[in-house]
Amino acid sequence: MFKWPNAISWAYAGNMADSEIKQNVAKAGGKVDGVLRCSLQWNDGDQWNRNDMDLHCDERVKVSGRDTAATWDHIFFGHKRSVVSSGWLDIDIIDPHKGTPAVENITYDKMPPNGTYLFYVNKYSDRGGRDNFKVEIEYAGHRFQYEGKTSASNTNIATVTVKDGQITGITHHTKPINSEE
């Protein structure tokens, strides 16, 4: 594994670089090869961070044939599968283990419907740990990584836009620490 001074590490397997976050999601049993993936990681430092961090996605989807406003859905620990898209939360860590990075993962197996997808982090339970986290969003050869701190309120990460069956853009609400485009 190669490590750079920017707190991001990469491992090479078959000429393809995978991020540490992606590897940890796969190790935890999460799906990492969908068309859109957002992964959260915490508890990866020297201190045991027992806080319960949660990854959310608010979906605003325009349903074909409807003249009304967009249909709304919310992916999170209490509603793991979207009824309007193929999105699902496949990993939900509640109580991080000492010495093991905790991850949560939302993935889309197929292209989601036209609309916007807001990804954010919430510190659901404060157990005296640090508020630091990392997030990675990946789609169509693009990968963005973020670092942040959160409180009990939400920390918006990014909004992904889908139009005409393609991901057409991303609006960063938290500045990416690096990106692959």
Protein backbone atom coordinates (compact mmCIF):
# COMPACT_ATOMS: atom_id res chain seq x y z
CA MET A 1 0.00 0.00 0.00
CA PHE A 2 1.27 3.48 -0.88
CA LYS A 3 0.59 6.37 1.48
CA TRP A 4 0.85 10.09 0.78
CA PRO A 5 0.98 12.91 3.34
CA ASN A 6 -2.62 13.95 2.55
CA ALA A 7 -4.20 11.20 4.73
CA ILE A 8 -5.40 9.24 1.69
CA SER A 9 -3.89 5.88 0.93
CA TRP A 10 -4.24 3.71 -2.15
CA ALA A 11 -3.62 0.04 -2.77
CA TYR A 12 -2.96 -1.41 -6.19
CA ALA A 13 -4.56 -4.63 -7.39
CA GLY A 14 -4.54 -5.52 -11.06
CA ASN A 15 -3.40 -2.06 -12.24
CA MET A 16 -6.38 -0.42 -10.54
CA ALA A 17 -6.04 1.84 -7.52
CA ASP A 18 -8.60 1.33 -4.79
CA SER A 19 -8.99 3.73 -1.92
CA GLU A 20 -8.73 2.69 1.70
CA ILE A 21 -12.39 3.58 2.21
CA LYS A 22 -13.48 1.42 -0.71
CA GLN A 23 -11.41 -1.49 0.59
CA ASN A 24 -12.91 -1.15 4.09
CA VAL A 25 -16.45 -1.07 2.66
CA ALA A 26 -15.75 -4.24 0.64
CA LYS A 27 -14.20 -5.92 3.70
CA ALA A 28 -17.35 -5.11 5.70
CA GLY A 29 -19.51 -6.72 2.99
CA GLY A 30 -20.66 -3.58 1.17
CA LYS A 31 -21.18 -3.28 -2.57
CA VAL A 32 -18.51 -1.13 -4.21
CA ASP A 33 -19.19 -1.64 -7.92
CA GLY A 34 -22.54 0.06 -8.48
CA VAL A 35 -23.03 3.01 -10.82
CA LEU A 36 -23.04 5.43 -7.86
CA ARG A 37 -21.55 4.88 -4.41
CA CYS A 38 -21.25 7.05 -1.33
CA SER A 39 -19.28 5.67 1.62
CA LEU A 40 -18.69 7.05 5.12
CA GLN A 41 -15.73 6.07 7.32
CA TRP A 42 -14.79 6.98 10.90
CA ASN A 43 -13.02 5.34 13.86
CA ASP A 44 -9.88 5.03 11.74
CA GLY A 45 -7.43 6.94 13.92
CA ASP A 46 -5.43 6.12 17.02
CA GLN A 47 -8.33 6.74 19.39
CA TRP A 48 -11.38 4.52 19.68
CA ASN A 49 -14.28 6.56 18.32
CA ARG A 50 -17.46 4.94 19.60
CA ASN A 51 -19.79 7.61 18.18
CA ASP A 52 -22.54 6.36 15.89
CA MET A 53 -22.23 8.26 12.62
CA ASP A 54 -24.94 7.82 9.98
CA LEU A 55 -24.90 8.26 6.22
CA HIS A 56 -28.08 9.63 4.61
CA CYS A 57 -29.30 10.40 1.09
CA ASP A 58 -32.27 12.65 0.31
CA GLU A 59 -33.58 11.83 -3.15
CA ARG A 60 -35.65 14.30 -5.17
CA VAL A 61 -36.73 12.35 -8.24
CA LYS A 62 -38.88 13.46 -11.17
CA VAL A 63 -41.19 10.55 -11.94
CA SER A 64 -41.84 10.04 -15.65
CA GLY A 65 -45.35 11.00 -16.73
CA ARG A 66 -46.14 13.13 -13.68
CA ASP A 67 -46.66 16.87 -13.87
CA THR A 68 -46.38 17.26 -10.12
CA ALA A 69 -43.34 18.10 -8.05
CA ALA A 70 -40.57 15.60 -7.61
CA THR A 71 -41.08 12.44 -5.60
CA TRP A 72 -39.05 12.36 -2.42
CA ASP A 73 -37.33 9.49 -0.64
CA HIS A 74 -34.81 9.30 2.18
CA ILE A 75 -32.24 6.52 2.56
CA PHE A 76 -30.92 6.08 6.12
CA PHE A 77 -30.77 3.45 8.90
CA GLY A 78 -34.55 3.49 9.37
CA HIS A 79 -35.34 3.15 5.64
CA LYS A 80 -32.47 1.30 3.96
CA ARG A 81 -33.98 0.84 0.47
CA SER A 82 -35.39 3.61 -1.68
CA VAL A 83 -38.80 3.00 -3.23
CA VAL A 84 -38.09 5.42 -6.12
CA SER A 85 -34.56 4.35 -7.10
CA SER A 86 -32.19 1.40 -6.83
CA GLY A 87 -30.40 3.03 -3.87
CA TRP A 88 -29.82 1.19 -0.65
CA LEU A 89 -27.82 1.41 2.55
CA ASP A 90 -26.05 -1.94 2.67
CA ILE A 91 -23.82 -1.29 5.70
CA ASP A 92 -24.97 0.38 8.92
CA ILE A 93 -22.42 0.33 11.74
CA ILE A 94 -23.98 1.21 15.08
CA ASP A 95 -21.22 0.39 17.57
CA PRO A 96 -17.67 0.67 16.12
CA HIS A 97 -15.14 -1.89 17.31
CA LYS A 98 -11.85 -0.72 18.75
CA GLY A 99 -9.09 -0.74 16.12
CA THR A 100 -11.45 -1.34 13.16
CA PRO A 101 -12.56 1.47 10.83
CA ALA A 102 -16.34 1.85 10.85
CA VAL A 103 -18.08 2.33 7.50
CA GLU A 104 -21.53 2.94 6.09
CA ASN A 105 -22.34 2.62 2.41
CA ILE A 106 -25.10 3.71 0.04
CA THR A 107 -24.92 2.26 -3.44
CA TYR A 108 -26.98 2.29 -6.62
CA ASP A 109 -26.83 -0.90 -8.72
CA LYS A 110 -28.29 0.82 -11.77
CA MET A 111 -28.57 4.42 -12.91
CA PRO A 112 -31.01 6.19 -10.59
CA PRO A 113 -33.92 8.19 -12.04
CA ASN A 114 -33.51 11.82 -13.06
CA GLY A 115 -33.29 14.04 -10.02
CA THR A 116 -30.95 15.14 -7.24
CA TYR A 117 -29.33 13.01 -4.55
CA LEU A 118 -28.08 14.86 -1.46
CA PHE A 119 -25.60 12.86 0.64
CA TYR A 120 -24.96 13.94 4.22
CA VAL A 121 -23.58 12.72 7.56
CA ASN A 122 -25.29 12.83 10.93
CA LYS A 123 -23.76 12.04 14.32
CA TYR A 124 -26.66 9.97 15.63
CA SER A 125 -25.15 9.10 18.99
CA ASP A 126 -22.38 10.95 20.83
CA ARG A 127 -20.46 8.50 22.99
CA GLY A 128 -17.56 10.84 23.71
CA GLY A 129 -15.64 10.10 20.53
CA ARG A 130 -14.20 12.44 17.94
CA ASP A 131 -16.41 14.11 15.36
CA ASN A 132 -14.03 13.42 12.44
CA PHE A 133 -15.16 11.44 9.42
CA LYS A 134 -14.26 10.76 5.78
CA VAL A 135 -16.65 10.36 2.86
CA GLU A 136 -16.05 9.09 -0.65
CA ILE A 137 -18.40 9.47 -3.63
CA GLU A 138 -17.66 7.49 -6.78
CA TYR A 139 -19.40 7.26 -10.16
CA ALA A 140 -18.41 6.82 -13.84
CA GLY A 141 -14.66 7.00 -13.22
CA HIS A 142 -14.93 10.01 -10.89
CA ARG A 143 -13.99 9.75 -7.23
CA PHE A 144 -14.25 12.54 -4.67
CA GLN A 145 -13.02 12.32 -1.08
CA TYR A 146 -14.02 14.59 1.78
CA GLU A 147 -13.03 15.04 5.40
CA GLY A 148 -15.19 16.72 7.97
CA LYS A 149 -16.50 17.03 11.48
CA THR A 150 -20.09 16.70 12.47
CA SER A 151 -22.32 17.42 15.41
CA ALA A 152 -25.84 16.19 16.07
CA SER A 153 -26.96 18.31 13.12
CA ASN A 154 -26.39 17.20 9.55
CA THR A 155 -23.21 17.87 7.60
CA ASN A 156 -24.02 18.10 3.88
CA ILE A 157 -21.36 16.50 1.68
CA ALA A 158 -22.52 16.74 -1.95
CA THR A 159 -25.50 16.65 -4.27
CA VAL A 160 -25.32 14.43 -7.34
CA THR A 161 -27.55 15.32 -10.30
CA VAL A 162 -28.93 12.75 -12.77
CA LYS A 163 -30.45 13.93 -16.05
CA ASP A 164 -31.42 11.98 -19.16
CA GLY A 165 -30.19 8.76 -17.60
CA GLN A 166 -26.67 10.05 -16.84
CA ILE A 167 -24.94 11.61 -13.89
CA THR A 168 -24.45 15.15 -15.14
CA GLY A 169 -22.83 16.84 -12.19
CA ILE A 170 -21.94 17.11 -8.56
CA THR A 171 -22.31 20.09 -6.25
CA HIS A 172 -19.86 19.98 -3.36
CA HIS A 173 -21.22 21.25 -0.03
CA THR A 174 -18.01 20.16 1.71
CA LYS A 175 -14.79 20.91 -0.13
CA PRO A 176 -13.20 17.72 -1.51
CA ILE A 177 -9.70 16.99 -0.21
CA ASN A 178 -8.90 15.35 -3.54
CA SER A 179 -10.65 14.01 -6.59
CA GLU A 180 -10.08 11.73 -9.55
CA GLU A 181 -11.75 13.01 -12.69
